[in-house]
Every structure is written in C-alpha cells, then in structure tokens.
Amino acid sequence: MAKRGGFPGGMGMPGNMNNLMKQAQKMQKQMEETTKALEEKEITATAGGGAVEITMTGKKEIKKVKLSEEVVDPDDIEMLEDLIMAATNEAIRQIEELSSSSMAKITGGLGGLGGGFPF
C-alpha cells in the first residue's frame, strides 16, 4: 500500500486551509466593521444620581460633560472631582463591555484569535 503523505485524507488539507483562510478574512472584515461602528457609538454615564453626566465615544473620547448646578460647590471641589472620575470610569467600563460583547458575537466567544481553529 502506497503512503499518501503526512496529511490524513490525502489532498483534503489544502482545501480546508483555503476555507480556513476565507473564514479568517471574513472574520477580520467583520471585526473591522464592528470596530468602526463601535467607535461611532456614544455612551452616556452618570454619577451622583445624575448630578454628573459624561458622554463618551467608542474611541473613549469625551464628547460632553454635564454638571448639575447643585454639585458645583466651591467648598467641596473634591466631591465634584470624584463624581467626574466615577462617571468617566463608568463610561469607559460600558464601552469596553460593549466592545467585548460585540467582538464575542463575531468570534463565537472563543476568547482569542486561534481559539476556534482546529490546530
């Protein structure tokens, strides 16, 4: 019996590699489109019961800061700073969560580029 080579199934592997490459290219295109869509999204987060509101883009750029008059107290600037920081951190957390869940839809939740490949 003649030996076919190193791959079980003979010529099946090159065809599988082509399919794998096509799937990888499709996934890369979907990831690029999703990244662009995420960058265009805006997230609004609040702190202090809405006293501080931060609107941020998916690129993590602040678009708007809104402060309630009652939170602007010259005798308690530290509280205002804390609220701005809390609202900003919440906006970043929401953007990262949205990004993770959007990418997981593309990769099937594999958690890494090579996770779904059969090698």
N, C-alpha and C. Protein backbone atom coordinates (compact mmCIF):
# COMPACT_ATOMS: atom_id res chain seq x y z
N MET A 1 0.85 -1.17 0.00
CA MET A 1 0.00 0.00 0.00
C MET A 1 0.89 1.24 0.00
N ALA A 2 0.61 2.16 -0.87
CA ALA A 2 1.43 3.36 -1.01
C ALA A 2 1.09 4.36 0.10
N LYS A 3 2.10 5.04 0.55
CA LYS A 3 1.91 6.06 1.57
C LYS A 3 1.46 7.35 0.89
N ARG A 4 0.44 7.99 1.45
CA ARG A 4 -0.13 9.19 0.81
C ARG A 4 0.58 10.48 1.18
N GLY A 5 1.28 10.51 2.25
CA GLY A 5 1.91 11.75 2.68
C GLY A 5 1.57 11.99 4.14
N GLY A 6 1.90 13.15 4.62
CA GLY A 6 1.77 13.46 6.03
C GLY A 6 0.35 13.80 6.48
N PHE A 7 -0.57 14.09 5.56
CA PHE A 7 -1.90 14.50 5.95
C PHE A 7 -2.90 13.38 5.78
N PRO A 8 -3.67 13.09 6.82
CA PRO A 8 -4.72 12.09 6.64
C PRO A 8 -5.75 12.60 5.64
N GLY A 9 -6.22 11.74 4.78
CA GLY A 9 -7.21 12.16 3.80
C GLY A 9 -6.60 12.70 2.53
N GLY A 10 -5.31 12.58 2.35
CA GLY A 10 -4.67 12.99 1.10
C GLY A 10 -4.73 14.48 0.86
N MET A 11 -5.45 14.90 -0.18
CA MET A 11 -5.47 16.30 -0.60
C MET A 11 -6.51 17.13 0.14
N GLY A 12 -7.13 16.61 1.16
CA GLY A 12 -8.16 17.34 1.88
C GLY A 12 -7.66 18.56 2.62
N MET A 13 -6.45 18.53 3.10
CA MET A 13 -5.92 19.61 3.92
C MET A 13 -5.79 20.94 3.17
N PRO A 14 -5.25 20.98 1.95
CA PRO A 14 -5.17 22.28 1.27
C PRO A 14 -6.54 22.93 1.08
N GLY A 15 -7.55 22.15 0.79
CA GLY A 15 -8.90 22.72 0.66
C GLY A 15 -9.39 23.29 1.97
N ASN A 16 -9.12 22.58 3.06
CA ASN A 16 -9.50 23.06 4.38
C ASN A 16 -8.76 24.35 4.73
N MET A 17 -7.49 24.44 4.34
CA MET A 17 -6.71 25.65 4.60
C MET A 17 -7.30 26.84 3.85
N ASN A 18 -7.73 26.61 2.59
CA ASN A 18 -8.35 27.70 1.83
C ASN A 18 -9.63 28.16 2.51
N ASN A 19 -10.45 27.21 2.96
CA ASN A 19 -11.68 27.57 3.66
C ASN A 19 -11.36 28.32 4.95
N LEU A 20 -10.36 27.86 5.65
CA LEU A 20 -9.95 28.49 6.90
C LEU A 20 -9.49 29.93 6.65
N MET A 21 -8.72 30.12 5.59
CA MET A 21 -8.25 31.47 5.25
C MET A 21 -9.43 32.38 4.88
N LYS A 22 -10.39 31.86 4.14
CA LYS A 22 -11.57 32.64 3.77
C LYS A 22 -12.36 33.02 5.02
N GLN A 23 -12.51 32.08 5.94
CA GLN A 23 -13.23 32.35 7.18
C GLN A 23 -12.48 33.40 8.01
N ALA A 24 -11.16 33.31 8.05
CA ALA A 24 -10.36 34.27 8.81
C ALA A 24 -10.48 35.66 8.20
N GLN A 25 -10.46 35.75 6.86
CA GLN A 25 -10.61 37.04 6.20
C GLN A 25 -11.99 37.63 6.44
N LYS A 26 -13.01 36.78 6.40
CA LYS A 26 -14.37 37.25 6.67
C LYS A 26 -14.49 37.76 8.10
N MET A 27 -13.90 37.02 9.04
CA MET A 27 -13.94 37.42 10.45
C MET A 27 -13.20 38.73 10.64
N GLN A 28 -12.06 38.90 9.97
CA GLN A 28 -11.29 40.13 10.09
C GLN A 28 -12.11 41.31 9.57
N LYS A 29 -12.79 41.13 8.44
CA LYS A 29 -13.62 42.20 7.88
C LYS A 29 -14.76 42.55 8.85
N GLN A 30 -15.39 41.54 9.42
CA GLN A 30 -16.47 41.78 10.38
C GLN A 30 -15.95 42.52 11.60
N MET A 31 -14.75 42.17 12.05
CA MET A 31 -14.16 42.83 13.22
C MET A 31 -13.87 44.29 12.90
N GLU A 32 -13.36 44.56 11.70
CA GLU A 32 -13.08 45.94 11.30
C GLU A 32 -14.37 46.76 11.24
N GLU A 33 -15.42 46.18 10.65
CA GLU A 33 -16.71 46.87 10.56
C GLU A 33 -17.30 47.12 11.95
N THR A 34 -17.19 46.13 12.81
CA THR A 34 -17.72 46.27 14.17
C THR A 34 -16.94 47.32 14.94
N THR A 35 -15.62 47.33 14.79
CA THR A 35 -14.79 48.32 15.46
C THR A 35 -15.19 49.72 15.02
N LYS A 36 -15.38 49.91 13.71
CA LYS A 36 -15.78 51.22 13.20
C LYS A 36 -17.14 51.63 13.77
N ALA A 37 -18.08 50.70 13.79
CA ALA A 37 -19.41 51.01 14.34
C ALA A 37 -19.33 51.35 15.83
N LEU A 38 -18.49 50.63 16.56
CA LEU A 38 -18.32 50.91 17.99
C LEU A 38 -17.71 52.29 18.22
N GLU A 39 -16.75 52.66 17.37
CA GLU A 39 -16.10 53.96 17.53
C GLU A 39 -17.09 55.10 17.31
N GLU A 40 -18.13 54.86 16.50
CA GLU A 40 -19.12 55.89 16.22
C GLU A 40 -20.21 55.96 17.28
N LYS A 41 -20.32 54.95 18.12
CA LYS A 41 -21.32 54.95 19.18
C LYS A 41 -20.96 55.95 20.27
N GLU A 42 -21.99 56.39 20.98
CA GLU A 42 -21.78 57.26 22.13
C GLU A 42 -22.44 56.62 23.34
N ILE A 43 -21.73 56.66 24.45
CA ILE A 43 -22.20 56.11 25.72
C ILE A 43 -22.32 57.27 26.70
N THR A 44 -23.40 57.30 27.45
CA THR A 44 -23.56 58.31 28.49
C THR A 44 -23.63 57.61 29.83
N ALA A 45 -22.81 58.07 30.76
CA ALA A 45 -22.79 57.50 32.11
C ALA A 45 -22.95 58.65 33.11
N THR A 46 -23.55 58.32 34.25
CA THR A 46 -23.78 59.34 35.27
C THR A 46 -23.20 58.92 36.60
N ALA A 47 -23.07 59.89 37.48
CA ALA A 47 -22.65 59.64 38.86
C ALA A 47 -23.39 60.64 39.74
N GLY A 48 -23.48 60.31 41.01
CA GLY A 48 -24.15 61.20 41.96
C GLY A 48 -25.62 61.36 41.65
N GLY A 49 -26.26 60.27 41.24
CA GLY A 49 -27.69 60.32 40.95
C GLY A 49 -28.02 61.21 39.77
N GLY A 50 -27.09 61.34 38.83
CA GLY A 50 -27.31 62.15 37.65
C GLY A 50 -26.74 63.56 37.77
N ALA A 51 -26.10 63.86 38.88
CA ALA A 51 -25.52 65.20 39.08
C ALA A 51 -24.37 65.46 38.10
N VAL A 52 -23.68 64.39 37.71
CA VAL A 52 -22.60 64.48 36.71
C VAL A 52 -22.92 63.50 35.61
N GLU A 53 -22.84 63.99 34.38
CA GLU A 53 -23.13 63.14 33.22
C GLU A 53 -21.98 63.29 32.23
N ILE A 54 -21.44 62.16 31.80
CA ILE A 54 -20.33 62.14 30.83
C ILE A 54 -20.81 61.39 29.59
N THR A 55 -20.60 61.99 28.43
CA THR A 55 -20.89 61.31 27.17
C THR A 55 -19.55 61.09 26.48
N MET A 56 -19.32 59.83 26.09
CA MET A 56 -18.03 59.42 25.54
C MET A 56 -18.27 58.62 24.26
N THR A 57 -17.36 58.76 23.31
CA THR A 57 -17.44 57.98 22.07
C THR A 57 -16.83 56.60 22.31
N GLY A 58 -17.06 55.71 21.36
CA GLY A 58 -16.45 54.39 21.41
C GLY A 58 -14.94 54.44 21.32
N LYS A 59 -14.40 55.57 20.89
CA LYS A 59 -12.95 55.75 20.85
C LYS A 59 -12.42 56.21 22.21
N LYS A 60 -13.33 56.29 23.19
CA LYS A 60 -13.02 56.73 24.55
C LYS A 60 -12.60 58.20 24.58
N GLU A 61 -13.25 59.00 23.72
CA GLU A 61 -13.05 60.44 23.73
C GLU A 61 -14.29 61.07 24.35
N ILE A 62 -14.09 61.97 25.29
CA ILE A 62 -15.22 62.62 25.95
C ILE A 62 -15.82 63.64 24.99
N LYS A 63 -17.13 63.51 24.76
CA LYS A 63 -17.86 64.42 23.88
C LYS A 63 -18.55 65.53 24.67
N LYS A 64 -18.98 65.19 25.90
CA LYS A 64 -19.77 66.15 26.65
C LYS A 64 -19.66 65.85 28.14
N VAL A 65 -19.60 66.93 28.92
CA VAL A 65 -19.66 66.84 30.38
C VAL A 65 -20.80 67.74 30.81
N LYS A 66 -21.73 67.18 31.57
CA LYS A 66 -22.87 67.97 32.05
C LYS A 66 -22.89 67.89 33.57
N LEU A 67 -22.94 69.06 34.22
CA LEU A 67 -22.94 69.13 35.67
C LEU A 67 -24.23 69.81 36.14
N SER A 68 -24.86 69.26 37.15
CA SER A 68 -25.99 69.93 37.79
C SER A 68 -25.45 71.07 38.64
N GLU A 69 -26.19 72.17 38.71
CA GLU A 69 -25.73 73.34 39.46
C GLU A 69 -25.44 73.00 40.92
N GLU A 70 -26.28 72.14 41.53
CA GLU A 70 -26.10 71.85 42.95
C GLU A 70 -24.82 71.09 43.27
N VAL A 71 -24.21 70.47 42.27
CA VAL A 71 -22.99 69.72 42.52
C VAL A 71 -21.76 70.62 42.43
N VAL A 72 -21.93 71.84 41.91
CA VAL A 72 -20.81 72.78 41.79
C VAL A 72 -20.75 73.61 43.07
N ASP A 73 -19.98 73.10 44.02
CA ASP A 73 -19.83 73.74 45.33
C ASP A 73 -18.36 74.09 45.52
N PRO A 74 -18.04 75.39 45.52
CA PRO A 74 -16.64 75.79 45.66
C PRO A 74 -16.00 75.29 46.95
N ASP A 75 -16.82 74.97 47.95
CA ASP A 75 -16.27 74.48 49.21
C ASP A 75 -16.06 72.97 49.20
N ASP A 76 -16.51 72.29 48.14
CA ASP A 76 -16.35 70.84 48.07
C ASP A 76 -15.98 70.41 46.65
N ILE A 77 -14.89 70.94 46.17
CA ILE A 77 -14.41 70.61 44.82
C ILE A 77 -14.04 69.13 44.73
N GLU A 78 -13.56 68.56 45.82
CA GLU A 78 -13.14 67.15 45.83
C GLU A 78 -14.29 66.22 45.48
N MET A 79 -15.49 66.52 45.97
CA MET A 79 -16.65 65.68 45.65
C MET A 79 -16.94 65.75 44.15
N LEU A 80 -16.88 66.92 43.56
CA LEU A 80 -17.13 67.08 42.13
C LEU A 80 -16.09 66.32 41.32
N GLU A 81 -14.84 66.40 41.73
CA GLU A 81 -13.78 65.66 41.05
C GLU A 81 -14.04 64.16 41.11
N ASP A 82 -14.45 63.68 42.28
CA ASP A 82 -14.75 62.25 42.44
C ASP A 82 -15.92 61.81 41.55
N LEU A 83 -16.94 62.66 41.47
CA LEU A 83 -18.11 62.32 40.64
C LEU A 83 -17.74 62.29 39.16
N ILE A 84 -16.93 63.24 38.72
CA ILE A 84 -16.49 63.26 37.32
C ILE A 84 -15.66 62.01 37.02
N MET A 85 -14.78 61.67 37.94
CA MET A 85 -13.96 60.47 37.76
C MET A 85 -14.83 59.22 37.72
N ALA A 86 -15.81 59.12 38.61
CA ALA A 86 -16.69 57.95 38.65
C ALA A 86 -17.51 57.83 37.37
N ALA A 87 -18.05 58.93 36.88
CA ALA A 87 -18.85 58.90 35.65
C ALA A 87 -17.98 58.54 34.45
N THR A 88 -16.77 59.07 34.40
CA THR A 88 -15.85 58.76 33.30
C THR A 88 -15.46 57.28 33.31
N ASN A 89 -15.13 56.77 34.49
CA ASN A 89 -14.76 55.35 34.60
C ASN A 89 -15.94 54.45 34.22
N GLU A 90 -17.15 54.82 34.58
CA GLU A 90 -18.33 54.04 34.23
C GLU A 90 -18.54 54.05 32.72
N ALA A 91 -18.34 55.19 32.07
CA ALA A 91 -18.49 55.27 30.61
C ALA A 91 -17.45 54.36 29.93
N ILE A 92 -16.23 54.38 30.42
CA ILE A 92 -15.18 53.52 29.85
C ILE A 92 -15.55 52.05 30.05
N ARG A 93 -16.03 51.69 31.24
CA ARG A 93 -16.41 50.31 31.51
C ARG A 93 -17.52 49.86 30.56
N GLN A 94 -18.51 50.73 30.33
CA GLN A 94 -19.61 50.38 29.42
C GLN A 94 -19.11 50.20 27.99
N ILE A 95 -18.20 51.06 27.54
CA ILE A 95 -17.65 50.94 26.19
C ILE A 95 -16.88 49.63 26.05
N GLU A 96 -16.07 49.29 27.04
CA GLU A 96 -15.29 48.04 26.98
C GLU A 96 -16.21 46.82 27.00
N GLU A 97 -17.28 46.88 27.78
CA GLU A 97 -18.23 45.78 27.83
C GLU A 97 -18.95 45.62 26.48
N LEU A 98 -19.34 46.73 25.89
CA LEU A 98 -20.00 46.71 24.58
C LEU A 98 -19.05 46.16 23.52
N SER A 99 -17.80 46.59 23.58
CA SER A 99 -16.80 46.12 22.63
C SER A 99 -16.57 44.62 22.77
N SER A 100 -16.43 44.15 24.01
CA SER A 100 -16.21 42.72 24.25
C SER A 100 -17.37 41.88 23.74
N SER A 101 -18.59 42.30 24.04
CA SER A 101 -19.75 41.51 23.63
C SER A 101 -19.92 41.54 22.11
N SER A 102 -19.60 42.68 21.48
CA SER A 102 -19.71 42.77 20.02
C SER A 102 -18.68 41.87 19.34
N MET A 103 -17.46 41.85 19.85
CA MET A 103 -16.42 41.00 19.26
C MET A 103 -16.71 39.52 19.53
N ALA A 104 -17.28 39.21 20.69
CA ALA A 104 -17.60 37.82 21.00
C ALA A 104 -18.63 37.26 20.03
N LYS A 105 -19.53 38.12 19.54
CA LYS A 105 -20.51 37.67 18.55
C LYS A 105 -19.82 37.23 17.26
N ILE A 106 -18.75 37.93 16.90
CA ILE A 106 -18.03 37.61 15.67
C ILE A 106 -17.19 36.35 15.85
N THR A 107 -16.48 36.27 16.96
CA THR A 107 -15.57 35.15 17.17
C THR A 107 -16.26 33.94 17.78
N GLY A 108 -17.53 34.09 18.08
CA GLY A 108 -18.26 32.99 18.71
C GLY A 108 -17.89 32.82 20.17
N GLY A 109 -17.36 33.88 20.78
CA GLY A 109 -16.97 33.82 22.19
C GLY A 109 -15.76 32.95 22.43
N LEU A 110 -14.90 32.82 21.44
CA LEU A 110 -13.75 31.92 21.56
C LEU A 110 -12.64 32.47 22.43
N GLY A 111 -12.62 33.78 22.63
CA GLY A 111 -11.64 34.36 23.52
C GLY A 111 -10.22 34.27 23.01
N GLY A 112 -9.98 34.61 21.82
CA GLY A 112 -8.64 34.57 21.24
C GLY A 112 -8.74 34.22 19.78
N LEU A 113 -7.88 34.76 18.99
CA LEU A 113 -7.99 34.57 17.56
C LEU A 113 -7.87 33.11 17.15
N GLY A 114 -6.99 32.36 17.78
CA GLY A 114 -6.78 30.97 17.37
C GLY A 114 -7.73 29.99 18.02
N GLY A 115 -8.60 30.44 18.90
CA GLY A 115 -9.43 29.55 19.69
C GLY A 115 -10.31 28.62 18.90
N GLY A 116 -10.80 29.03 17.74
CA GLY A 116 -11.74 28.18 17.01
C GLY A 116 -11.11 27.38 15.90
N PHE A 117 -9.81 27.53 15.70
CA PHE A 117 -9.17 26.82 14.62
C PHE A 117 -8.79 25.42 15.05
N PRO A 118 -8.88 24.47 14.14
CA PRO A 118 -8.68 23.07 14.50
C PRO A 118 -7.23 22.64 14.62
N PHE A 119 -6.35 23.49 15.11
CA PHE A 119 -4.96 23.11 15.32
C PHE A 119 -4.42 23.74 16.55
